Amino acid sequence: MKEEGFSDRVTKMGVYLLGRLKRLKKHHEIIGDVRDIGLMSAIELVRNRTTKESAVHERNVVLNNAFQNGLTLLPAGESVIRFCPPLTLEKEDIDTGLDILEAAISSF
């Protein structure tokens, strides 16, 4: 953490992660919201974007499918998936993880 430019790199990774999550939202109706606080991010899964009905079962299926393919994600609330990656995360790690997530979401 004392390394020169460390916090700037972490900030850039957070911006990149958020951008990728927002692109996923554009392509998958089940993603009702994307939010972040720095590198910690979350997506809320919904059955309907207008009514915001929580997609509880779907979230659990996505978590399980992602885990079966090597990605451990954190459940939060009724239908939220939280991302709390390490500060040493690299862009390639984000891409790999979100490719696994997208494959898990694509069944809906």
PDB file of N, CA and C in Angstrom:
ATOM      1  N   MET A   1       0.820  -1.193   0.000  1.00  0.00           N
ATOM      2  CA  MET A   1       0.000   0.000   0.000  1.00  0.00           C
ATOM      3  C   MET A   1       0.866   1.259   0.000  1.00  0.00           C
ATOM      4  N   LYS A   2       2.102   1.107   0.386  1.00  0.00           N
ATOM      5  CA  LYS A   2       3.006   2.250   0.401  1.00  0.00           C
ATOM      6  C   LYS A   2       3.654   2.490  -0.952  1.00  0.00           C
ATOM      7  N   GLU A   3       3.457   1.556  -1.862  1.00  0.00           N
ATOM      8  CA  GLU A   3       4.047   1.660  -3.189  1.00  0.00           C
ATOM      9  C   GLU A   3       3.519   2.884  -3.931  1.00  0.00           C
ATOM     10  N   GLU A   4       4.398   3.563  -4.623  1.00  0.00           N
ATOM     11  CA  GLU A   4       4.046   4.739  -5.413  1.00  0.00           C
ATOM     12  C   GLU A   4       2.950   4.395  -6.429  1.00  0.00           C
ATOM     13  N   GLY A   5       1.873   5.169  -6.450  1.00  0.00           N
ATOM     14  CA  GLY A   5       0.797   4.982  -7.411  1.00  0.00           C
ATOM     15  C   GLY A   5      -0.200   3.887  -7.066  1.00  0.00           C
ATOM     16  N   PHE A   6      -0.043   3.259  -5.901  1.00  0.00           N
ATOM     17  CA  PHE A   6      -0.925   2.141  -5.541  1.00  0.00           C
ATOM     18  C   PHE A   6      -2.390   2.574  -5.499  1.00  0.00           C
ATOM     19  N   SER A   7      -2.679   3.658  -4.818  1.00  0.00           N
ATOM     20  CA  SER A   7      -4.084   4.086  -4.688  1.00  0.00           C
ATOM     21  C   SER A   7      -4.667   4.497  -6.037  1.00  0.00           C
ATOM     22  N   ASP A   8      -3.867   5.094  -6.905  1.00  0.00           N
ATOM     23  CA  ASP A   8      -4.360   5.446  -8.237  1.00  0.00           C
ATOM     24  C   ASP A   8      -4.716   4.200  -9.040  1.00  0.00           C
ATOM     25  N   ARG A   9      -3.877   3.152  -8.911  1.00  0.00           N
ATOM     26  CA  ARG A   9      -4.143   1.902  -9.622  1.00  0.00           C
ATOM     27  C   ARG A   9      -5.419   1.252  -9.109  1.00  0.00           C
ATOM     28  N   VAL A  10      -5.613   1.270  -7.782  1.00  0.00           N
ATOM     29  CA  VAL A  10      -6.823   0.700  -7.193  1.00  0.00           C
ATOM     30  C   VAL A  10      -8.050   1.466  -7.689  1.00  0.00           C
ATOM     31  N   THR A  11      -7.943   2.784  -7.743  1.00  0.00           N
ATOM     32  CA  THR A  11      -9.050   3.602  -8.244  1.00  0.00           C
ATOM     33  C   THR A  11      -9.365   3.254  -9.694  1.00  0.00           C
ATOM     34  N   LYS A  12      -8.348   3.100 -10.517  1.00  0.00           N
ATOM     35  CA  LYS A  12      -8.550   2.742 -11.925  1.00  0.00           C
ATOM     36  C   LYS A  12      -9.233   1.377 -12.056  1.00  0.00           C
ATOM     37  N   MET A  13      -8.835   0.424 -11.215  1.00  0.00           N
ATOM     38  CA  MET A  13      -9.457  -0.898 -11.275  1.00  0.00           C
ATOM     39  C   MET A  13     -10.931  -0.813 -10.867  1.00  0.00           C
ATOM     40  N   GLY A  14     -11.249   0.032  -9.887  1.00  0.00           N
ATOM     41  CA  GLY A  14     -12.638   0.227  -9.475  1.00  0.00           C
ATOM     42  C   GLY A  14     -13.476   0.814 -10.594  1.00  0.00           C
ATOM     43  N   VAL A  15     -12.922   1.789 -11.299  1.00  0.00           N
ATOM     44  CA  VAL A  15     -13.618   2.407 -12.434  1.00  0.00           C
ATOM     45  C   VAL A  15     -13.823   1.378 -13.544  1.00  0.00           C
ATOM     46  N   TYR A  16     -12.803   0.573 -13.794  1.00  0.00           N
ATOM     47  CA  TYR A  16     -12.906  -0.452 -14.830  1.00  0.00           C
ATOM     48  C   TYR A  16     -13.966  -1.497 -14.471  1.00  0.00           C
ATOM     49  N   LEU A  17     -13.942  -1.965 -13.220  1.00  0.00           N
ATOM     50  CA  LEU A  17     -14.935  -2.946 -12.765  1.00  0.00           C
ATOM     51  C   LEU A  17     -16.344  -2.380 -12.905  1.00  0.00           C
ATOM     52  N   LEU A  18     -16.561  -1.155 -12.466  1.00  0.00           N
ATOM     53  CA  LEU A  18     -17.883  -0.539 -12.565  1.00  0.00           C
ATOM     54  C   LEU A  18     -18.329  -0.426 -14.019  1.00  0.00           C
ATOM     55  N   GLY A  19     -17.412  -0.038 -14.898  1.00  0.00           N
ATOM     56  CA  GLY A  19     -17.751   0.056 -16.321  1.00  0.00           C
ATOM     57  C   GLY A  19     -18.169  -1.277 -16.905  1.00  0.00           C
ATOM     58  N   ARG A  20     -17.441  -2.331 -16.557  1.00  0.00           N
ATOM     59  CA  ARG A  20     -17.800  -3.669 -17.053  1.00  0.00           C
ATOM     60  C   ARG A  20     -19.161  -4.103 -16.518  1.00  0.00           C
ATOM     61  N   LEU A  21     -19.436  -3.814 -15.238  1.00  0.00           N
ATOM     62  CA  LEU A  21     -20.727  -4.184 -14.659  1.00  0.00           C
ATOM     63  C   LEU A  21     -21.862  -3.412 -15.331  1.00  0.00           C
ATOM     64  N   LYS A  22     -21.651  -2.152 -15.639  1.00  0.00           N
ATOM     65  CA  LYS A  22     -22.682  -1.358 -16.325  1.00  0.00           C
ATOM     66  C   LYS A  22     -22.943  -1.896 -17.725  1.00  0.00           C
ATOM     67  N   ARG A  23     -21.909  -2.366 -18.402  1.00  0.00           N
ATOM     68  CA  ARG A  23     -22.108  -2.977 -19.726  1.00  0.00           C
ATOM     69  C   ARG A  23     -22.906  -4.265 -19.618  1.00  0.00           C
ATOM     70  N   LEU A  24     -22.638  -5.049 -18.557  1.00  0.00           N
ATOM     71  CA  LEU A  24     -23.429  -6.261 -18.342  1.00  0.00           C
ATOM     72  C   LEU A  24     -24.898  -5.908 -18.151  1.00  0.00           C
ATOM     73  N   LYS A  25     -25.151  -4.836 -17.414  1.00  0.00           N
ATOM     74  CA  LYS A  25     -26.537  -4.414 -17.172  1.00  0.00           C
ATOM     75  C   LYS A  25     -27.247  -4.093 -18.485  1.00  0.00           C
ATOM     76  N   LYS A  26     -26.553  -3.479 -19.425  1.00  0.00           N
ATOM     77  CA  LYS A  26     -27.155  -3.144 -20.716  1.00  0.00           C
ATOM     78  C   LYS A  26     -27.576  -4.393 -21.490  1.00  0.00           C
ATOM     79  N   HIS A  27     -26.866  -5.500 -21.269  1.00  0.00           N
ATOM     80  CA  HIS A  27     -27.129  -6.714 -22.028  1.00  0.00           C
ATOM     81  C   HIS A  27     -27.983  -7.751 -21.309  1.00  0.00           C
ATOM     82  N   HIS A  28     -28.232  -7.540 -20.028  1.00  0.00           N
ATOM     83  CA  HIS A  28     -28.965  -8.546 -19.248  1.00  0.00           C
ATOM     84  C   HIS A  28     -30.052  -7.861 -18.408  1.00  0.00           C
ATOM     85  N   GLU A  29     -31.296  -8.088 -18.792  1.00  0.00           N
ATOM     86  CA  GLU A  29     -32.437  -7.462 -18.109  1.00  0.00           C
ATOM     87  C   GLU A  29     -32.537  -7.844 -16.633  1.00  0.00           C
ATOM     88  N   ILE A  30     -31.930  -8.952 -16.257  1.00  0.00           N
ATOM     89  CA  ILE A  30     -32.016  -9.399 -14.867  1.00  0.00           C
ATOM     90  C   ILE A  30     -31.215  -8.482 -13.928  1.00  0.00           C
ATOM     91  N   ILE A  31     -30.276  -7.724 -14.463  1.00  0.00           N
ATOM     92  CA  ILE A  31     -29.502  -6.791 -13.639  1.00  0.00           C
ATOM     93  C   ILE A  31     -30.272  -5.486 -13.554  1.00  0.00           C
ATOM     94  N   GLY A  32     -30.811  -5.227 -12.363  1.00  0.00           N
ATOM     95  CA  GLY A  32     -31.631  -4.039 -12.169  1.00  0.00           C
ATOM     96  C   GLY A  32     -30.860  -2.825 -11.699  1.00  0.00           C
ATOM     97  N   ASP A  33     -29.722  -3.046 -11.041  1.00  0.00           N
ATOM     98  CA  ASP A  33     -28.946  -1.919 -10.522  1.00  0.00           C
ATOM     99  C   ASP A  33     -27.489  -2.326 -10.396  1.00  0.00           C
ATOM    100  N   VAL A  34     -26.620  -1.357 -10.589  1.00  0.00           N
ATOM    101  CA  VAL A  34     -25.188  -1.509 -10.382  1.00  0.00           C
ATOM    102  C   VAL A  34     -24.761  -0.373  -9.479  1.00  0.00           C
ATOM    103  N   ARG A  35     -23.997  -0.692  -8.433  1.00  0.00           N
ATOM    104  CA  ARG A  35     -23.541   0.364  -7.516  1.00  0.00           C
ATOM    105  C   ARG A  35     -22.141   0.030  -7.023  1.00  0.00           C
ATOM    106  N   ASP A  36     -21.481   1.059  -6.503  1.00  0.00           N
ATOM    107  CA  ASP A  36     -20.120   0.843  -6.027  1.00  0.00           C
ATOM    108  C   ASP A  36     -19.720   1.865  -4.976  1.00  0.00           C
ATOM    109  N   ILE A  37     -18.704   1.457  -4.236  1.00  0.00           N
ATOM    110  CA  ILE A  37     -17.972   2.340  -3.332  1.00  0.00           C
ATOM    111  C   ILE A  37     -16.513   1.971  -3.564  1.00  0.00           C
ATOM    112  N   GLY A  38     -15.869   2.703  -4.446  1.00  0.00           N
ATOM    113  CA  GLY A  38     -14.495   2.354  -4.783  1.00  0.00           C
ATOM    114  C   GLY A  38     -14.431   1.033  -5.498  1.00  0.00           C
ATOM    115  N   LEU A  39     -13.592   0.144  -5.020  1.00  0.00           N
ATOM    116  CA  LEU A  39     -13.430  -1.158  -5.653  1.00  0.00           C
ATOM    117  C   LEU A  39     -14.513  -2.157  -5.229  1.00  0.00           C
ATOM    118  N   MET A  40     -15.227  -1.869  -4.154  1.00  0.00           N
ATOM    119  CA  MET A  40     -16.332  -2.738  -3.745  1.00  0.00           C
ATOM    120  C   MET A  40     -17.567  -2.358  -4.565  1.00  0.00           C
ATOM    121  N   SER A  41     -18.113  -3.334  -5.267  1.00  0.00           N
ATOM    122  CA  SER A  41     -19.253  -3.090  -6.146  1.00  0.00           C
ATOM    123  C   SER A  41     -20.345  -4.116  -5.886  1.00  0.00           C
ATOM    124  N   ALA A  42     -21.518  -3.865  -6.478  1.00  0.00           N
ATOM    125  CA  ALA A  42     -22.623  -4.803  -6.328  1.00  0.00           C
ATOM    126  C   ALA A  42     -23.569  -4.682  -7.518  1.00  0.00           C
ATOM    127  N   ILE A  43     -24.220  -5.791  -7.810  1.00  0.00           N
ATOM    128  CA  ILE A  43     -25.319  -5.775  -8.778  1.00  0.00           C
ATOM    129  C   ILE A  43     -26.547  -6.335  -8.073  1.00  0.00           C
ATOM    130  N   GLU A  44     -27.696  -5.753  -8.372  1.00  0.00           N
ATOM    131  CA  GLU A  44     -28.959  -6.255  -7.839  1.00  0.00           C
ATOM    132  C   GLU A  44     -29.696  -6.955  -8.963  1.00  0.00           C
ATOM    133  N   LEU A  45     -30.098  -8.189  -8.708  1.00  0.00           N
ATOM    134  CA  LEU A  45     -30.835  -8.945  -9.707  1.00  0.00           C
ATOM    135  C   LEU A  45     -32.328  -8.792  -9.461  1.00  0.00           C
ATOM    136  N   VAL A  46     -33.054  -8.538 -10.545  1.00  0.00           N
ATOM    137  CA  VAL A  46     -34.500  -8.319 -10.458  1.00  0.00           C
ATOM    138  C   VAL A  46     -35.208  -9.158 -11.517  1.00  0.00           C
ATOM    139  N   ARG A  47     -36.435  -9.490 -11.221  1.00  0.00           N
ATOM    140  CA  ARG A  47     -37.245 -10.218 -12.205  1.00  0.00           C
ATOM    141  C   ARG A  47     -37.831  -9.258 -13.226  1.00  0.00           C
ATOM    142  N   ASN A  48     -38.002  -8.018 -12.817  1.00  0.00           N
ATOM    143  CA  ASN A  48     -38.599  -7.002 -13.679  1.00  0.00           C
ATOM    144  C   ASN A  48     -37.992  -5.650 -13.304  1.00  0.00           C
ATOM    145  N   ARG A  49     -37.387  -4.969 -14.252  1.00  0.00           N
ATOM    146  CA  ARG A  49     -36.740  -3.686 -13.953  1.00  0.00           C
ATOM    147  C   ARG A  49     -37.731  -2.593 -13.556  1.00  0.00           C
ATOM    148  N   THR A  50     -38.946  -2.686 -14.036  1.00  0.00           N
ATOM    149  CA  THR A  50     -39.942  -1.671 -13.702  1.00  0.00           C
ATOM    150  C   THR A  50     -40.447  -1.835 -12.277  1.00  0.00           C
ATOM    151  N   THR A  51     -40.812  -3.063 -11.913  1.00  0.00           N
ATOM    152  CA  THR A  51     -41.346  -3.298 -10.566  1.00  0.00           C
ATOM    153  C   THR A  51     -40.241  -3.504  -9.533  1.00  0.00           C
ATOM    154  N   LYS A  52     -39.037  -3.788 -10.017  1.00  0.00           N
ATOM    155  CA  LYS A  52     -37.880  -4.055  -9.143  1.00  0.00           C
ATOM    156  C   LYS A  52     -38.078  -5.284  -8.258  1.00  0.00           C
ATOM    157  N   GLU A  53     -38.927  -6.221  -8.693  1.00  0.00           N
ATOM    158  CA  GLU A  53     -39.133  -7.451  -7.927  1.00  0.00           C
ATOM    159  C   GLU A  53     -37.811  -8.198  -7.800  1.00  0.00           C
ATOM    160  N   SER A  54     -37.443  -8.530  -6.585  1.00  0.00           N
ATOM    161  CA  SER A  54     -36.175  -9.204  -6.314  1.00  0.00           C
ATOM    162  C   SER A  54     -36.120 -10.581  -6.968  1.00  0.00           C
ATOM    163  N   ALA A  55     -34.977 -10.896  -7.538  1.00  0.00           N
ATOM    164  CA  ALA A  55     -34.752 -12.197  -8.170  1.00  0.00           C
ATOM    165  C   ALA A  55     -33.929 -13.053  -7.214  1.00  0.00           C
ATOM    166  N   VAL A  56     -34.558 -13.472  -6.135  1.00  0.00           N
ATOM    167  CA  VAL A  56     -33.872 -14.210  -5.072  1.00  0.00           C
ATOM    168  C   VAL A  56     -33.359 -15.564  -5.582  1.00  0.00           C
ATOM    169  N   HIS A  57     -34.249 -16.351  -6.144  1.00  0.00           N
ATOM    170  CA  HIS A  57     -33.863 -17.674  -6.641  1.00  0.00           C
ATOM    171  C   HIS A  57     -32.795 -17.545  -7.732  1.00  0.00           C
ATOM    172  N   GLU A  58     -33.001 -16.624  -8.649  1.00  0.00           N
ATOM    173  CA  GLU A  58     -32.076 -16.434  -9.750  1.00  0.00           C
ATOM    174  C   GLU A  58     -30.683 -16.046  -9.244  1.00  0.00           C
ATOM    175  N   ARG A  59     -30.648 -15.175  -8.232  1.00  0.00           N
ATOM    176  CA  ARG A  59     -29.370 -14.770  -7.651  1.00  0.00           C
ATOM    177  C   ARG A  59     -28.628 -15.989  -7.100  1.00  0.00           C
ATOM    178  N   ASN A  60     -29.360 -16.850  -6.406  1.00  0.00           N
ATOM    179  CA  ASN A  60     -28.737 -18.038  -5.835  1.00  0.00           C
ATOM    180  C   ASN A  60     -28.221 -18.993  -6.916  1.00  0.00           C
ATOM    181  N   VAL A  61     -28.953 -19.108  -8.003  1.00  0.00           N
ATOM    182  CA  VAL A  61     -28.507 -19.938  -9.125  1.00  0.00           C
ATOM    183  C   VAL A  61     -27.236 -19.349  -9.742  1.00  0.00           C
ATOM    184  N   VAL A  62     -27.212 -18.036  -9.930  1.00  0.00           N
ATOM    185  CA  VAL A  62     -26.028 -17.371 -10.490  1.00  0.00           C
ATOM    186  C   VAL A  62     -24.822 -17.589  -9.580  1.00  0.00           C
ATOM    187  N   LEU A  63     -25.010 -17.404  -8.273  1.00  0.00           N
ATOM    188  CA  LEU A  63     -23.913 -17.618  -7.326  1.00  0.00           C
ATOM    189  C   LEU A  63     -23.363 -19.042  -7.433  1.00  0.00           C
ATOM    190  N   ASN A  64     -24.267 -20.013  -7.483  1.00  0.00           N
ATOM    191  CA  ASN A  64     -23.856 -21.412  -7.565  1.00  0.00           C
ATOM    192  C   ASN A  64     -23.146 -21.709  -8.883  1.00  0.00           C
ATOM    193  N   ASN A  65     -23.701 -21.236  -9.997  1.00  0.00           N
ATOM    194  CA  ASN A  65     -23.081 -21.473 -11.299  1.00  0.00           C
ATOM    195  C   ASN A  65     -21.695 -20.839 -11.377  1.00  0.00           C
ATOM    196  N   ALA A  66     -21.568 -19.622 -10.868  1.00  0.00           N
ATOM    197  CA  ALA A  66     -20.272 -18.945 -10.880  1.00  0.00           C
ATOM    198  C   ALA A  66     -19.267 -19.728 -10.040  1.00  0.00           C
ATOM    199  N   PHE A  67     -19.706 -20.177  -8.870  1.00  0.00           N
ATOM    200  CA  PHE A  67     -18.818 -20.939  -7.990  1.00  0.00           C
ATOM    201  C   PHE A  67     -18.348 -22.228  -8.663  1.00  0.00           C
ATOM    202  N   GLN A  68     -19.261 -22.897  -9.349  1.00  0.00           N
ATOM    203  CA  GLN A  68     -18.913 -24.142 -10.045  1.00  0.00           C
ATOM    204  C   GLN A  68     -17.876 -23.904 -11.143  1.00  0.00           C
ATOM    205  N   ASN A  69     -17.776 -22.655 -11.597  1.00  0.00           N
ATOM    206  CA  ASN A  69     -16.824 -22.309 -12.654  1.00  0.00           C
ATOM    207  C   ASN A  69     -15.628 -21.516 -12.138  1.00  0.00           C
ATOM    208  N   GLY A  70     -15.437 -21.525 -10.812  1.00  0.00           N
ATOM    209  CA  GLY A  70     -14.227 -20.964 -10.241  1.00  0.00           C
ATOM    210  C   GLY A  70     -14.301 -19.564  -9.688  1.00  0.00           C
ATOM    211  N   LEU A  71     -15.496 -18.991  -9.594  1.00  0.00           N
ATOM    212  CA  LEU A  71     -15.638 -17.623  -9.096  1.00  0.00           C
ATOM    213  C   LEU A  71     -16.503 -17.607  -7.841  1.00  0.00           C
ATOM    214  N   THR A  72     -15.923 -17.186  -6.743  1.00  0.00           N
ATOM    215  CA  THR A  72     -16.666 -17.066  -5.498  1.00  0.00           C
ATOM    216  C   THR A  72     -17.177 -15.641  -5.367  1.00  0.00           C
ATOM    217  N   LEU A  73     -18.490 -15.495  -5.207  1.00  0.00           N
ATOM    218  CA  LEU A  73     -19.127 -14.187  -5.059  1.00  0.00           C
ATOM    219  C   LEU A  73     -19.874 -14.132  -3.735  1.00  0.00           C
ATOM    220  N   LEU A  74     -20.134 -12.931  -3.269  1.00  0.00           N
ATOM    221  CA  LEU A  74     -20.805 -12.751  -1.978  1.00  0.00           C
ATOM    222  C   LEU A  74     -22.264 -12.364  -2.157  1.00  0.00           C
ATOM    223  N   PRO A  75     -23.185 -13.104  -1.545  1.00  0.00           N
ATOM    224  CA  PRO A  75     -24.574 -12.673  -1.555  1.00  0.00           C
ATOM    225  C   PRO A  75     -24.748 -11.527  -0.568  1.00  0.00           C
ATOM    226  N   ALA A  76     -25.684 -10.656  -0.863  1.00  0.00           N
ATOM    227  CA  ALA A  76     -26.010  -9.553   0.049  1.00  0.00           C
ATOM    228  C   ALA A  76     -27.495  -9.243  -0.131  1.00  0.00           C
ATOM    229  N   GLY A  77     -28.159  -8.888   0.949  1.00  0.00           N
ATOM    230  CA  GLY A  77     -29.583  -8.591   0.851  1.00  0.00           C
ATOM    231  C   GLY A  77     -30.340  -9.755   0.245  1.00  0.00           C
ATOM    232  N   GLU A  78     -31.481  -9.437  -0.355  1.00  0.00           N
ATOM    233  CA  GLU A  78     -32.320 -10.485  -0.947  1.00  0.00           C
ATOM    234  C   GLU A  78     -31.805 -10.988  -2.286  1.00  0.00           C
ATOM    235  N   SER A  79     -31.333 -10.061  -3.119  1.00  0.00           N
ATOM    236  CA  SER A  79     -30.983 -10.467  -4.485  1.00  0.00           C
ATOM    237  C   SER A  79     -29.770  -9.717  -5.027  1.00  0.00           C
ATOM    238  N   VAL A  80     -28.857  -9.394  -4.149  1.00  0.00           N
ATOM    239  CA  VAL A  80     -27.672  -8.635  -4.538  1.00  0.00           C
ATOM    240  C   VAL A  80     -26.452  -9.548  -4.541  1.00  0.00           C
ATOM    241  N   ILE A  81     -25.566  -9.295  -5.479  1.00  0.00           N
ATOM    242  CA  ILE A  81     -24.265  -9.949  -5.522  1.00  0.00           C
ATOM    243  C   ILE A  81     -23.221  -8.866  -5.294  1.00  0.00           C
ATOM    244  N   ARG A  82     -22.391  -9.080  -4.298  1.00  0.00           N
ATOM    245  CA  ARG A  82     -21.373  -8.091  -3.919  1.00  0.00           C
ATOM    246  C   ARG A  82     -20.009  -8.563  -4.400  1.00  0.00           C
ATOM    247  N   PHE A  83     -19.214  -7.610  -4.849  1.00  0.00           N
ATOM    248  CA  PHE A  83     -17.850  -7.866  -5.297  1.00  0.00           C
ATOM    249  C   PHE A  83     -16.905  -7.122  -4.362  1.00  0.00           C
ATOM    250  N   CYS A  84     -16.076  -7.868  -3.671  1.00  0.00           N
ATOM    251  CA  CYS A  84     -15.072  -7.290  -2.754  1.00  0.00           C
ATOM    252  C   CYS A  84     -13.706  -7.853  -3.121  1.00  0.00           C
ATOM    253  N   PRO A  85     -13.168  -7.446  -4.252  1.00  0.00           N
ATOM    254  CA  PRO A  85     -11.901  -8.023  -4.690  1.00  0.00           C
ATOM    255  C   PRO A  85     -10.723  -7.476  -3.889  1.00  0.00           C
ATOM    256  N   PRO A  86      -9.604  -8.172  -3.939  1.00  0.00           N
ATOM    257  CA  PRO A  86      -8.414  -7.671  -3.260  1.00  0.00           C
ATOM    258  C   PRO A  86      -7.911  -6.396  -3.947  1.00  0.00           C
ATOM    259  N   LEU A  87      -7.243  -5.555  -3.202  1.00  0.00           N
ATOM    260  CA  LEU A  87      -6.721  -4.304  -3.746  1.00  0.00           C
ATOM    261  C   LEU A  87      -5.642  -4.539  -4.796  1.00  0.00           C
ATOM    262  N   THR A  88      -5.097  -5.725  -4.837  1.00  0.00           N
ATOM    263  CA  THR A  88      -4.048  -6.057  -5.800  1.00  0.00           C
ATOM    264  C   THR A  88      -4.616  -6.618  -7.104  1.00  0.00           C
ATOM    265  N   LEU A  89      -5.906  -6.525  -7.268  1.00  0.00           N
ATOM    266  CA  LEU A  89      -6.610  -7.032  -8.448  1.00  0.00           C
ATOM    267  C   LEU A  89      -6.043  -6.418  -9.727  1.00  0.00           C
ATOM    268  N   GLU A  90      -5.925  -7.241 -10.746  1.00  0.00           N
ATOM    269  CA  GLU A  90      -5.470  -6.791 -12.064  1.00  0.00           C
ATOM    270  C   GLU A  90      -6.654  -6.795 -13.040  1.00  0.00           C
ATOM    271  N   LYS A  91      -6.522  -6.043 -14.116  1.00  0.00           N
ATOM    272  CA  LYS A  91      -7.574  -5.954 -15.131  1.00  0.00           C
ATOM    273  C   LYS A  91      -7.952  -7.334 -15.665  1.00  0.00           C
ATOM    274  N   GLU A  92      -6.965  -8.181 -15.863  1.00  0.00           N
ATOM    275  CA  GLU A  92      -7.220  -9.527 -16.389  1.00  0.00           C
ATOM    276  C   GLU A  92      -8.067 -10.338 -15.413  1.00  0.00           C
ATOM    277  N   ASP A  93      -7.870 -10.107 -14.110  1.00  0.00           N
ATOM    278  CA  ASP A  93      -8.679 -10.802 -13.100  1.00  0.00           C
ATOM    279  C   ASP A  93     -10.141 -10.362 -13.196  1.00  0.00           C
ATOM    280  N   ILE A  94     -10.343  -9.068 -13.393  1.00  0.00           N
ATOM    281  CA  ILE A  94     -11.706  -8.541 -13.539  1.00  0.00           C
ATOM    282  C   ILE A  94     -12.361  -9.165 -14.764  1.00  0.00           C
ATOM    283  N   ASP A  95     -11.642  -9.175 -15.879  1.00  0.00           N
ATOM    284  CA  ASP A  95     -12.197  -9.731 -17.114  1.00  0.00           C
ATOM    285  C   ASP A  95     -12.550 -11.213 -16.958  1.00  0.00           C
ATOM    286  N   THR A  96     -11.665 -11.969 -16.351  1.00  0.00           N
ATOM    287  CA  THR A  96     -11.927 -13.397 -16.146  1.00  0.00           C
ATOM    288  C   THR A  96     -13.142 -13.605 -15.261  1.00  0.00           C
ATOM    289  N   GLY A  97     -13.194 -12.899 -14.147  1.00  0.00           N
ATOM    290  CA  GLY A  97     -14.318 -13.037 -13.223  1.00  0.00           C
ATOM    291  C   GLY A  97     -15.644 -12.633 -13.843  1.00  0.00           C
ATOM    292  N   LEU A  98     -15.649 -11.528 -14.567  1.00  0.00           N
ATOM    293  CA  LEU A  98     -16.912 -11.069 -15.155  1.00  0.00           C
ATOM    294  C   LEU A  98     -17.326 -11.904 -16.354  1.00  0.00           C
ATOM    295  N   ASP A  99     -16.380 -12.540 -17.002  1.00  0.00           N
ATOM    296  CA  ASP A  99     -16.754 -13.496 -18.063  1.00  0.00           C
ATOM    297  C   ASP A  99     -17.469 -14.699 -17.431  1.00  0.00           C
ATOM    298  N   ILE A 100     -16.977 -15.160 -16.299  1.00  0.00           N
ATOM    299  CA  ILE A 100     -17.636 -16.260 -15.580  1.00  0.00           C
ATOM    300  C   ILE A 100     -19.016 -15.827 -15.104  1.00  0.00           C
ATOM    301  N   LEU A 101     -19.107 -14.614 -14.552  1.00  0.00           N
ATOM    302  CA  LEU A 101     -20.390 -14.082 -14.096  1.00  0.00           C
ATOM    303  C   LEU A 101     -21.375 -13.982 -15.259  1.00  0.00           C
ATOM    304  N   GLU A 102     -20.924 -13.455 -16.377  1.00  0.00           N
ATOM    305  CA  GLU A 102     -21.841 -13.298 -17.516  1.00  0.00           C
ATOM    306  C   GLU A 102     -22.347 -14.654 -18.004  1.00  0.00           C
ATOM    307  N   ALA A 103     -21.500 -15.637 -18.017  1.00  0.00           N
ATOM    308  CA  ALA A 103     -21.940 -16.981 -18.413  1.00  0.00           C
ATOM    309  C   ALA A 103     -22.995 -17.496 -17.434  1.00  0.00           C
ATOM    310  N   ALA A 104     -22.817 -17.219 -16.154  1.00  0.00           N
ATOM    311  CA  ALA A 104     -23.781 -17.671 -15.147  1.00  0.00           C
ATOM    312  C   ALA A 104     -25.110 -16.928 -15.276  1.00  0.00           C
ATOM    313  N   ILE A 105     -25.069 -15.676 -15.666  1.00  0.00           N
ATOM    314  CA  ILE A 105     -26.282 -14.862 -15.818  1.00  0.00           C
ATOM    315  C   ILE A 105     -27.006 -15.170 -17.118  1.00  0.00           C
ATOM    316  N   SER A 106     -26.277 -15.582 -18.117  1.00  0.00           N
ATOM    317  CA  SER A 106     -26.849 -15.764 -19.467  1.00  0.00           C
ATOM    318  C   SER A 106     -27.987 -16.757 -19.543  1.00  0.00           C
ATOM    319  N   SER A 107     -28.140 -17.603 -18.545  1.00  0.00           N
ATOM    320  CA  SER A 107     -29.239 -18.581 -18.576  1.00  0.00           C
ATOM    321  C   SER A 107     -30.582 -17.929 -18.273  1.00  0.00           C
ATOM    322  N   PHE A 108     -30.580 -16.663 -17.884  1.00  0.00           N
ATOM    323  CA  PHE A 108     -31.840 -15.975 -17.560  1.00  0.00           C
ATOM    324  C   PHE A 108     -32.200 -14.945 -18.598  1.00  0.00           C
TER     325      PHE A 108
END
